[in-house]
Amino acid sequence: MAADRTSSSNSRAASTRDVLDVLANGIAKTAARQTKPEPQPRAAEVPAEPSRELLTEKMLADRWVCSVARLQRWRTVGEGPSYLKIVGKVLYRLKDIEAYEETSLVRKVF
């Protein structure tokens, strides 16, 4: 009787190993069939606000915390940064604005 139990438990263990082998082989075959995704190149970090080469009167007024009327008055008397007038619209180039800001920088001397 003890021999029957031993052979029965051995056959169960062998049967369990067979099932596990079949499952492992099935998993390996499935994994081999699946295409691995190619690593995607990382996208360049996007700045919080896109850089603009041309600014409108309103954008420049917001940048300098002043009124649009002040910018219009400056243009009338020939003050302020250089500007473009395209199809009746006044636009300021960013490089001209930055150059004007640089020349307007006040350095205190003690």
N, C-alpha and C. Protein backbone atom coordinates (compact mmCIF):
# COMPACT_ATOMS: atom_id res chain seq x y z
N MET A 1 0.81 -1.17 0.00
CA MET A 1 0.00 0.00 0.00
C MET A 1 0.86 1.25 0.00
N ALA A 2 1.92 1.20 0.78
CA ALA A 2 2.83 2.34 0.84
C ALA A 2 3.48 2.56 -0.50
N ALA A 3 3.74 1.48 -1.22
CA ALA A 3 4.34 1.59 -2.55
C ALA A 3 3.39 2.26 -3.51
N ASP A 4 2.09 2.00 -3.35
CA ASP A 4 1.10 2.64 -4.22
C ASP A 4 1.06 4.14 -3.98
N ARG A 5 1.16 4.51 -2.72
CA ARG A 5 1.14 5.94 -2.41
C ARG A 5 2.37 6.62 -2.98
N THR A 6 3.53 6.00 -2.86
CA THR A 6 4.77 6.58 -3.35
C THR A 6 4.73 6.71 -4.86
N SER A 7 4.29 5.70 -5.53
CA SER A 7 4.23 5.79 -6.99
C SER A 7 3.17 6.78 -7.42
N SER A 8 2.08 6.86 -6.64
CA SER A 8 1.02 7.82 -6.95
C SER A 8 1.53 9.24 -6.76
N SER A 9 2.25 9.50 -5.68
CA SER A 9 2.78 10.85 -5.44
C SER A 9 3.87 11.18 -6.45
N ASN A 10 4.67 10.21 -6.85
CA ASN A 10 5.70 10.44 -7.88
C ASN A 10 5.07 10.76 -9.23
N SER A 11 3.98 10.06 -9.55
CA SER A 11 3.32 10.33 -10.84
C SER A 11 2.66 11.70 -10.81
N ARG A 12 2.13 12.11 -9.65
CA ARG A 12 1.55 13.46 -9.54
C ARG A 12 2.63 14.52 -9.69
N ALA A 13 3.76 14.31 -9.06
CA ALA A 13 4.86 15.26 -9.14
C ALA A 13 5.36 15.34 -10.58
N ALA A 14 5.47 14.19 -11.23
CA ALA A 14 5.91 14.18 -12.63
C ALA A 14 4.87 14.87 -13.51
N SER A 15 3.63 14.62 -13.21
CA SER A 15 2.54 15.24 -13.97
C SER A 15 2.56 16.75 -13.78
N THR A 16 2.79 17.19 -12.54
CA THR A 16 2.86 18.63 -12.24
C THR A 16 4.06 19.25 -12.96
N ARG A 17 5.21 18.56 -12.96
CA ARG A 17 6.39 19.07 -13.68
C ARG A 17 6.11 19.17 -15.17
N ASP A 18 5.41 18.18 -15.71
CA ASP A 18 5.07 18.20 -17.13
C ASP A 18 4.19 19.42 -17.46
N VAL A 19 3.20 19.65 -16.62
CA VAL A 19 2.29 20.79 -16.83
C VAL A 19 3.08 22.10 -16.74
N LEU A 20 3.96 22.18 -15.76
CA LEU A 20 4.76 23.40 -15.60
C LEU A 20 5.70 23.60 -16.79
N ASP A 21 6.25 22.52 -17.30
CA ASP A 21 7.12 22.61 -18.48
C ASP A 21 6.34 23.09 -19.70
N VAL A 22 5.14 22.55 -19.86
CA VAL A 22 4.30 22.95 -20.99
C VAL A 22 3.96 24.43 -20.87
N LEU A 23 3.59 24.88 -19.68
CA LEU A 23 3.27 26.30 -19.47
C LEU A 23 4.49 27.18 -19.73
N ALA A 24 5.63 26.78 -19.23
CA ALA A 24 6.86 27.57 -19.42
C ALA A 24 7.20 27.66 -20.90
N ASN A 25 7.08 26.56 -21.62
CA ASN A 25 7.35 26.57 -23.06
C ASN A 25 6.35 27.47 -23.80
N GLY A 26 5.10 27.41 -23.40
CA GLY A 26 4.07 28.26 -24.03
C GLY A 26 4.35 29.73 -23.80
N ILE A 27 4.74 30.06 -22.60
CA ILE A 27 5.07 31.46 -22.27
C ILE A 27 6.29 31.91 -23.07
N ALA A 28 7.30 31.04 -23.16
CA ALA A 28 8.51 31.40 -23.91
C ALA A 28 8.20 31.61 -25.39
N LYS A 29 7.35 30.75 -25.96
CA LYS A 29 6.98 30.89 -27.38
C LYS A 29 6.19 32.18 -27.60
N THR A 30 5.27 32.48 -26.70
CA THR A 30 4.48 33.70 -26.82
C THR A 30 5.37 34.94 -26.74
N ALA A 31 6.30 34.91 -25.81
CA ALA A 31 7.21 36.05 -25.65
C ALA A 31 8.09 36.21 -26.89
N ALA A 32 8.50 35.09 -27.49
CA ALA A 32 9.35 35.15 -28.68
C ALA A 32 8.58 35.71 -29.88
N ARG A 33 7.28 35.42 -29.96
CA ARG A 33 6.47 35.91 -31.07
C ARG A 33 6.17 37.40 -30.97
N GLN A 34 6.08 37.90 -29.75
CA GLN A 34 5.74 39.31 -29.56
C GLN A 34 6.93 40.17 -29.97
N THR A 35 6.62 41.20 -30.75
CA THR A 35 7.69 42.12 -31.15
C THR A 35 7.93 43.09 -30.01
N LYS A 36 9.16 43.30 -29.75
CA LYS A 36 9.52 44.24 -28.69
C LYS A 36 9.45 45.64 -29.27
N PRO A 37 8.82 46.56 -28.58
CA PRO A 37 8.74 47.93 -29.10
C PRO A 37 10.13 48.56 -29.12
N GLU A 38 10.38 49.28 -30.21
CA GLU A 38 11.66 49.97 -30.31
C GLU A 38 11.63 51.17 -29.39
N PRO A 39 12.75 51.44 -28.73
CA PRO A 39 12.76 52.60 -27.84
C PRO A 39 12.55 53.88 -28.64
N GLN A 40 11.66 54.70 -28.17
CA GLN A 40 11.35 55.96 -28.83
C GLN A 40 12.35 57.02 -28.39
N PRO A 41 12.82 57.82 -29.35
CA PRO A 41 13.72 58.90 -28.93
C PRO A 41 12.96 59.88 -28.05
N ARG A 42 13.67 60.39 -27.07
CA ARG A 42 13.03 61.34 -26.16
C ARG A 42 12.80 62.65 -26.87
N ALA A 43 11.62 63.16 -26.69
CA ALA A 43 11.28 64.45 -27.29
C ALA A 43 12.00 65.55 -26.54
N ALA A 44 12.39 66.56 -27.27
CA ALA A 44 13.03 67.70 -26.63
C ALA A 44 12.03 68.35 -25.69
N GLU A 45 12.54 68.84 -24.59
CA GLU A 45 11.64 69.47 -23.63
C GLU A 45 11.08 70.74 -24.23
N VAL A 46 9.79 70.87 -24.08
CA VAL A 46 9.10 72.03 -24.62
C VAL A 46 9.10 73.11 -23.57
N PRO A 47 9.52 74.31 -23.96
CA PRO A 47 9.47 75.39 -22.97
C PRO A 47 8.04 75.69 -22.56
N ALA A 48 7.89 76.29 -21.40
CA ALA A 48 6.56 76.60 -20.90
C ALA A 48 5.79 77.46 -21.88
N GLU A 49 6.44 78.40 -22.47
CA GLU A 49 5.80 79.24 -23.48
C GLU A 49 6.72 79.28 -24.69
N PRO A 50 6.17 79.06 -25.89
CA PRO A 50 7.04 79.06 -27.06
C PRO A 50 7.69 80.42 -27.29
N SER A 51 8.91 80.37 -27.76
CA SER A 51 9.64 81.60 -28.05
C SER A 51 9.07 82.25 -29.31
N ARG A 52 8.86 83.52 -29.28
CA ARG A 52 8.32 84.24 -30.43
C ARG A 52 9.37 85.22 -30.91
N GLU A 53 9.53 85.27 -32.20
CA GLU A 53 10.49 86.21 -32.80
C GLU A 53 9.87 87.59 -32.98
N LEU A 54 8.55 87.63 -33.16
CA LEU A 54 7.85 88.91 -33.34
C LEU A 54 6.80 89.07 -32.25
N LEU A 55 6.75 90.28 -31.69
CA LEU A 55 5.76 90.57 -30.66
C LEU A 55 4.84 91.68 -31.14
N THR A 56 3.59 91.59 -30.77
CA THR A 56 2.63 92.64 -31.09
C THR A 56 2.77 93.76 -30.05
N GLU A 57 2.05 94.85 -30.29
CA GLU A 57 2.05 95.96 -29.31
C GLU A 57 1.58 95.48 -27.95
N LYS A 58 0.52 94.69 -27.96
CA LYS A 58 -0.06 94.20 -26.70
C LYS A 58 0.93 93.31 -25.96
N MET A 59 1.61 92.44 -26.71
CA MET A 59 2.58 91.55 -26.08
C MET A 59 3.74 92.33 -25.47
N LEU A 60 4.22 93.35 -26.18
CA LEU A 60 5.31 94.16 -25.65
C LEU A 60 4.84 94.98 -24.45
N ALA A 61 3.62 95.51 -24.53
CA ALA A 61 3.08 96.27 -23.40
C ALA A 61 2.97 95.37 -22.17
N ASP A 62 2.56 94.14 -22.35
CA ASP A 62 2.49 93.19 -21.23
C ASP A 62 3.88 92.90 -20.69
N ARG A 63 4.84 92.73 -21.59
CA ARG A 63 6.22 92.43 -21.18
C ARG A 63 6.79 93.57 -20.34
N TRP A 64 6.54 94.80 -20.77
CA TRP A 64 7.11 95.96 -20.08
C TRP A 64 6.16 96.56 -19.04
N VAL A 65 5.00 95.98 -18.86
CA VAL A 65 4.00 96.47 -17.91
C VAL A 65 3.73 97.96 -18.16
N CYS A 66 3.37 98.25 -19.37
CA CYS A 66 3.00 99.62 -19.73
C CYS A 66 1.79 99.55 -20.66
N SER A 67 1.30 100.70 -21.06
CA SER A 67 0.12 100.72 -21.93
C SER A 67 0.53 100.68 -23.40
N VAL A 68 -0.39 100.22 -24.22
CA VAL A 68 -0.18 100.22 -25.66
C VAL A 68 -0.07 101.67 -26.14
N ALA A 69 -0.83 102.57 -25.51
CA ALA A 69 -0.79 103.98 -25.89
C ALA A 69 0.61 104.57 -25.71
N ARG A 70 1.31 104.15 -24.68
CA ARG A 70 2.67 104.63 -24.47
C ARG A 70 3.58 104.20 -25.62
N LEU A 71 3.46 102.96 -26.03
CA LEU A 71 4.27 102.47 -27.17
C LEU A 71 3.92 103.24 -28.44
N GLN A 72 2.64 103.52 -28.64
CA GLN A 72 2.21 104.28 -29.81
C GLN A 72 2.78 105.70 -29.76
N ARG A 73 2.76 106.31 -28.59
CA ARG A 73 3.30 107.66 -28.42
C ARG A 73 4.81 107.67 -28.70
N TRP A 74 5.52 106.66 -28.21
CA TRP A 74 6.95 106.58 -28.47
C TRP A 74 7.24 106.48 -29.96
N ARG A 75 6.44 105.68 -30.66
CA ARG A 75 6.66 105.56 -32.11
C ARG A 75 6.44 106.90 -32.80
N THR A 76 5.47 107.66 -32.35
CA THR A 76 5.16 108.96 -32.96
C THR A 76 6.32 109.93 -32.81
N VAL A 77 6.98 109.93 -31.66
CA VAL A 77 8.07 110.87 -31.41
C VAL A 77 9.45 110.27 -31.72
N GLY A 78 9.49 109.01 -32.19
CA GLY A 78 10.76 108.39 -32.57
C GLY A 78 11.53 107.77 -31.42
N GLU A 79 10.87 107.45 -30.35
CA GLU A 79 11.53 106.79 -29.21
C GLU A 79 11.19 105.30 -29.21
N GLY A 80 11.81 104.58 -28.30
CA GLY A 80 11.51 103.16 -28.15
C GLY A 80 12.28 102.30 -29.15
N PRO A 81 12.01 101.01 -29.11
CA PRO A 81 12.75 100.09 -29.99
C PRO A 81 12.28 100.20 -31.44
N SER A 82 13.12 99.71 -32.34
CA SER A 82 12.73 99.66 -33.76
C SER A 82 11.54 98.73 -33.91
N TYR A 83 10.76 98.98 -34.95
CA TYR A 83 9.57 98.15 -35.16
C TYR A 83 9.36 97.92 -36.65
N LEU A 84 8.52 96.95 -36.95
CA LEU A 84 8.14 96.64 -38.32
C LEU A 84 6.68 97.03 -38.49
N LYS A 85 6.33 97.41 -39.69
CA LYS A 85 4.93 97.66 -39.98
C LYS A 85 4.60 96.81 -41.20
N ILE A 86 3.89 95.74 -40.97
CA ILE A 86 3.56 94.79 -42.02
C ILE A 86 2.04 94.73 -42.15
N VAL A 87 1.56 95.05 -43.35
CA VAL A 87 0.13 95.07 -43.65
C VAL A 87 -0.63 95.86 -42.59
N GLY A 88 -0.07 96.99 -42.23
CA GLY A 88 -0.72 97.88 -41.28
C GLY A 88 -0.61 97.45 -39.82
N LYS A 89 0.07 96.37 -39.57
CA LYS A 89 0.20 95.88 -38.20
C LYS A 89 1.61 96.16 -37.69
N VAL A 90 1.71 96.70 -36.50
CA VAL A 90 3.00 97.01 -35.90
C VAL A 90 3.51 95.78 -35.16
N LEU A 91 4.74 95.38 -35.49
CA LEU A 91 5.37 94.24 -34.85
C LEU A 91 6.78 94.61 -34.41
N TYR A 92 7.18 94.05 -33.28
CA TYR A 92 8.51 94.30 -32.76
C TYR A 92 9.31 93.01 -32.82
N ARG A 93 10.55 93.09 -33.32
CA ARG A 93 11.42 91.92 -33.33
C ARG A 93 12.00 91.73 -31.94
N LEU A 94 12.06 90.49 -31.52
CA LEU A 94 12.56 90.17 -30.19
C LEU A 94 13.99 90.65 -30.00
N LYS A 95 14.82 90.49 -31.03
CA LYS A 95 16.21 90.92 -30.89
C LYS A 95 16.31 92.44 -30.74
N ASP A 96 15.43 93.20 -31.38
CA ASP A 96 15.42 94.66 -31.21
C ASP A 96 14.97 95.05 -29.80
N ILE A 97 13.99 94.33 -29.30
CA ILE A 97 13.50 94.60 -27.94
C ILE A 97 14.60 94.31 -26.92
N GLU A 98 15.27 93.18 -27.08
CA GLU A 98 16.33 92.84 -26.14
C GLU A 98 17.50 93.82 -26.22
N ALA A 99 17.81 94.28 -27.43
CA ALA A 99 18.88 95.27 -27.58
C ALA A 99 18.48 96.58 -26.91
N TYR A 100 17.23 97.01 -27.07
CA TYR A 100 16.74 98.24 -26.44
C TYR A 100 16.77 98.10 -24.92
N GLU A 101 16.37 96.92 -24.42
CA GLU A 101 16.40 96.70 -22.97
C GLU A 101 17.83 96.77 -22.45
N GLU A 102 18.77 96.23 -23.21
CA GLU A 102 20.17 96.25 -22.79
C GLU A 102 20.71 97.67 -22.73
N THR A 103 20.35 98.51 -23.72
CA THR A 103 20.83 99.90 -23.71
C THR A 103 20.14 100.72 -22.62
N SER A 104 18.96 100.26 -22.18
CA SER A 104 18.22 100.98 -21.15
C SER A 104 18.60 100.56 -19.73
N LEU A 105 19.48 99.57 -19.64
CA LEU A 105 19.89 99.06 -18.33
C LEU A 105 20.68 100.14 -17.57
N VAL A 106 20.27 100.40 -16.36
CA VAL A 106 20.93 101.41 -15.54
C VAL A 106 21.83 100.70 -14.55
N ARG A 107 23.09 101.09 -14.55
CA ARG A 107 24.06 100.52 -13.61
C ARG A 107 24.42 101.62 -12.62
N LYS A 108 24.19 101.35 -11.37
CA LYS A 108 24.49 102.36 -10.35
C LYS A 108 25.97 102.32 -10.02
N VAL A 109 26.55 103.50 -9.91
CA VAL A 109 27.96 103.63 -9.55
C VAL A 109 27.98 104.30 -8.19
N PHE A 110 28.68 103.69 -7.25
CA PHE A 110 28.73 104.25 -5.89
C PHE A 110 30.00 105.03 -5.71
